[in-house]
Amino acid sequence: MDPTKRLLFWLRIPYVADAALVLIGVWLLLSGRSVGWWVLVFAAVRAVIGTIALFWLAPKLIARRNSRGDDAP
């Protein structure tokens, strides 16, 4: 597998976990548990960090790898 595709795969996978956390948070809120708000805040922080990694750090890492000609992971 291409190292760039592998990197992007591992940066996108956490969004699935964030979506699951949002569903759990909403379920907790609908069942009357206020801890659901903390789960939603946690999912939001994870999503922000993941977005920074995906759209800011990943292109820099890919460009650095391509400029050096590295094909190793």
N, C-alpha and C. Protein backbone atom coordinates (compact mmCIF):
# COMPACT_ATOMS: atom_id res chain seq x y z
N MET A 1 0.85 -1.18 0.00
CA MET A 1 0.00 0.00 0.00
C MET A 1 0.89 1.24 0.00
N ASP A 2 0.47 2.24 -0.72
CA ASP A 2 1.18 3.51 -0.80
C ASP A 2 1.24 4.16 0.58
N PRO A 3 2.41 4.62 1.02
CA PRO A 3 2.52 5.24 2.36
C PRO A 3 1.61 6.45 2.54
N THR A 4 1.41 7.22 1.48
CA THR A 4 0.54 8.40 1.60
C THR A 4 -0.90 7.97 1.85
N LYS A 5 -1.36 6.96 1.13
CA LYS A 5 -2.73 6.48 1.34
C LYS A 5 -2.88 5.89 2.74
N ARG A 6 -1.84 5.21 3.21
CA ARG A 6 -1.89 4.63 4.56
C ARG A 6 -1.98 5.73 5.61
N LEU A 7 -1.21 6.80 5.45
CA LEU A 7 -1.26 7.92 6.39
C LEU A 7 -2.64 8.55 6.41
N LEU A 8 -3.21 8.80 5.24
CA LEU A 8 -4.53 9.41 5.18
C LEU A 8 -5.60 8.49 5.76
N PHE A 9 -5.45 7.19 5.54
CA PHE A 9 -6.39 6.23 6.12
C PHE A 9 -6.40 6.35 7.64
N TRP A 10 -5.21 6.37 8.25
CA TRP A 10 -5.14 6.42 9.70
C TRP A 10 -5.52 7.78 10.26
N LEU A 11 -5.50 8.81 9.44
CA LEU A 11 -5.97 10.11 9.91
C LEU A 11 -7.48 10.25 9.77
N ARG A 12 -8.09 9.48 8.87
CA ARG A 12 -9.54 9.57 8.67
C ARG A 12 -10.32 8.65 9.60
N ILE A 13 -9.75 7.55 10.00
CA ILE A 13 -10.44 6.57 10.84
C ILE A 13 -10.98 7.17 12.14
N PRO A 14 -10.27 8.07 12.81
CA PRO A 14 -10.82 8.63 14.06
C PRO A 14 -12.15 9.36 13.89
N TYR A 15 -12.47 9.82 12.67
CA TYR A 15 -13.76 10.46 12.47
C TYR A 15 -14.90 9.48 12.68
N VAL A 16 -14.69 8.21 12.40
CA VAL A 16 -15.71 7.20 12.66
C VAL A 16 -15.92 7.07 14.17
N ALA A 17 -14.84 7.08 14.91
CA ALA A 17 -14.93 7.02 16.37
C ALA A 17 -15.63 8.26 16.92
N ASP A 18 -15.34 9.42 16.33
CA ASP A 18 -16.00 10.66 16.78
C ASP A 18 -17.51 10.59 16.53
N ALA A 19 -17.90 10.05 15.38
CA ALA A 19 -19.33 9.91 15.08
C ALA A 19 -19.99 8.97 16.10
N ALA A 20 -19.30 7.89 16.44
CA ALA A 20 -19.84 6.97 17.45
C ALA A 20 -19.96 7.66 18.80
N LEU A 21 -18.97 8.47 19.16
CA LEU A 21 -19.04 9.19 20.43
C LEU A 21 -20.21 10.19 20.45
N VAL A 22 -20.45 10.83 19.33
CA VAL A 22 -21.59 11.76 19.26
C VAL A 22 -22.89 11.00 19.46
N LEU A 23 -23.03 9.85 18.81
CA LEU A 23 -24.25 9.06 19.00
C LEU A 23 -24.41 8.62 20.45
N ILE A 24 -23.32 8.21 21.09
CA ILE A 24 -23.38 7.82 22.50
C ILE A 24 -23.75 9.02 23.37
N GLY A 25 -23.15 10.18 23.08
CA GLY A 25 -23.47 11.39 23.85
C GLY A 25 -24.93 11.78 23.72
N VAL A 26 -25.45 11.72 22.52
CA VAL A 26 -26.87 12.06 22.30
C VAL A 26 -27.76 11.05 23.02
N TRP A 27 -27.40 9.77 22.92
CA TRP A 27 -28.18 8.74 23.61
C TRP A 27 -28.19 8.99 25.12
N LEU A 28 -27.03 9.34 25.68
CA LEU A 28 -26.96 9.63 27.11
C LEU A 28 -27.83 10.83 27.48
N LEU A 29 -27.78 11.87 26.65
CA LEU A 29 -28.61 13.05 26.93
C LEU A 29 -30.10 12.72 26.85
N LEU A 30 -30.48 11.95 25.85
CA LEU A 30 -31.89 11.59 25.70
C LEU A 30 -32.37 10.68 26.82
N SER A 31 -31.45 9.94 27.43
CA SER A 31 -31.84 9.07 28.55
C SER A 31 -31.76 9.80 29.89
N GLY A 32 -31.48 11.11 29.83
CA GLY A 32 -31.51 11.92 31.05
C GLY A 32 -30.21 11.99 31.81
N ARG A 33 -29.13 11.56 31.21
CA ARG A 33 -27.83 11.61 31.89
C ARG A 33 -27.03 12.80 31.36
N SER A 34 -26.68 13.69 32.25
CA SER A 34 -25.98 14.91 31.84
C SER A 34 -24.53 14.65 31.44
N VAL A 35 -24.01 13.47 31.72
CA VAL A 35 -22.64 13.14 31.32
C VAL A 35 -22.52 13.14 29.79
N GLY A 36 -23.64 13.06 29.11
CA GLY A 36 -23.64 13.12 27.65
C GLY A 36 -23.00 14.38 27.11
N TRP A 37 -23.13 15.49 27.86
CA TRP A 37 -22.49 16.74 27.42
C TRP A 37 -20.97 16.59 27.40
N TRP A 38 -20.41 15.90 28.39
CA TRP A 38 -18.97 15.71 28.44
C TRP A 38 -18.50 14.81 27.29
N VAL A 39 -19.31 13.83 26.95
CA VAL A 39 -18.97 12.96 25.83
C VAL A 39 -18.98 13.77 24.53
N LEU A 40 -19.95 14.65 24.38
CA LEU A 40 -20.02 15.50 23.18
C LEU A 40 -18.84 16.47 23.12
N VAL A 41 -18.46 17.04 24.24
CA VAL A 41 -17.30 17.94 24.28
C VAL A 41 -16.03 17.17 23.92
N PHE A 42 -15.89 15.98 24.46
CA PHE A 42 -14.73 15.15 24.15
C PHE A 42 -14.67 14.83 22.66
N ALA A 43 -15.81 14.47 22.07
CA ALA A 43 -15.85 14.18 20.63
C ALA A 43 -15.51 15.42 19.81
N ALA A 44 -15.95 16.59 20.25
CA ALA A 44 -15.64 17.82 19.52
C ALA A 44 -14.15 18.13 19.57
N VAL A 45 -13.53 17.96 20.72
CA VAL A 45 -12.09 18.21 20.84
C VAL A 45 -11.31 17.24 19.96
N ARG A 46 -11.71 15.96 19.99
CA ARG A 46 -11.06 14.97 19.12
C ARG A 46 -11.22 15.34 17.65
N ALA A 47 -12.40 15.82 17.26
CA ALA A 47 -12.64 16.18 15.87
C ALA A 47 -11.78 17.37 15.45
N VAL A 48 -11.62 18.33 16.32
CA VAL A 48 -10.78 19.49 16.01
C VAL A 48 -9.33 19.06 15.84
N ILE A 49 -8.83 18.25 16.75
CA ILE A 49 -7.44 17.78 16.65
C ILE A 49 -7.25 16.94 15.39
N GLY A 50 -8.21 16.09 15.09
CA GLY A 50 -8.13 15.26 13.89
C GLY A 50 -8.17 16.08 12.62
N THR A 51 -8.96 17.14 12.60
CA THR A 51 -9.04 18.02 11.43
C THR A 51 -7.72 18.75 11.22
N ILE A 52 -7.12 19.20 12.30
CA ILE A 52 -5.82 19.87 12.19
C ILE A 52 -4.79 18.88 11.63
N ALA A 53 -4.80 17.67 12.13
CA ALA A 53 -3.85 16.67 11.64
C ALA A 53 -4.10 16.35 10.17
N LEU A 54 -5.35 16.23 9.78
CA LEU A 54 -5.67 15.83 8.42
C LEU A 54 -5.39 16.92 7.40
N PHE A 55 -5.76 18.14 7.71
CA PHE A 55 -5.67 19.20 6.72
C PHE A 55 -4.46 20.11 6.86
N TRP A 56 -3.75 20.05 7.98
CA TRP A 56 -2.59 20.92 8.15
C TRP A 56 -1.30 20.12 8.24
N LEU A 57 -1.27 19.11 9.09
CA LEU A 57 -0.04 18.35 9.27
C LEU A 57 0.21 17.33 8.16
N ALA A 58 -0.82 16.62 7.74
CA ALA A 58 -0.64 15.57 6.72
C ALA A 58 -0.07 16.12 5.43
N PRO A 59 -0.57 17.23 4.86
CA PRO A 59 0.04 17.73 3.64
C PRO A 59 1.52 18.09 3.81
N LYS A 60 1.89 18.61 4.98
CA LYS A 60 3.29 18.93 5.23
C LYS A 60 4.14 17.66 5.28
N LEU A 61 3.64 16.63 5.94
CA LEU A 61 4.37 15.37 6.01
C LEU A 61 4.50 14.73 4.63
N ILE A 62 3.44 14.76 3.86
CA ILE A 62 3.45 14.19 2.51
C ILE A 62 4.42 14.96 1.62
N ALA A 63 4.41 16.29 1.70
CA ALA A 63 5.31 17.10 0.89
C ALA A 63 6.76 16.83 1.28
N ARG A 64 7.03 16.70 2.57
CA ARG A 64 8.39 16.42 3.03
C ARG A 64 8.85 15.06 2.52
N ARG A 65 7.96 14.06 2.59
CA ARG A 65 8.30 12.72 2.13
C ARG A 65 8.57 12.74 0.62
N ASN A 66 7.76 13.45 -0.14
CA ASN A 66 7.93 13.50 -1.59
C ASN A 66 9.19 14.28 -1.99
N SER A 67 9.54 15.31 -1.22
CA SER A 67 10.73 16.11 -1.57
C SER A 67 12.02 15.34 -1.30
N ARG A 68 11.98 14.44 -0.29
CA ARG A 68 13.16 13.62 -0.01
C ARG A 68 13.21 12.38 -0.87
N GLY A 69 12.10 12.03 -1.48
CA GLY A 69 12.05 10.83 -2.30
C GLY A 69 11.94 9.56 -1.48
N ASP A 70 11.47 9.68 -0.26
CA ASP A 70 11.31 8.50 0.61
C ASP A 70 10.08 7.73 0.20
N ASP A 71 10.23 6.43 0.08
CA ASP A 71 9.08 5.57 -0.13
C ASP A 71 8.84 4.67 1.05
N ALA A 72 9.72 4.72 2.04
CA ALA A 72 9.57 3.90 3.23
C ALA A 72 8.58 4.55 4.17
N PRO A 73 7.84 3.75 4.94
CA PRO A 73 6.86 4.32 5.89
C PRO A 73 7.48 5.08 7.01
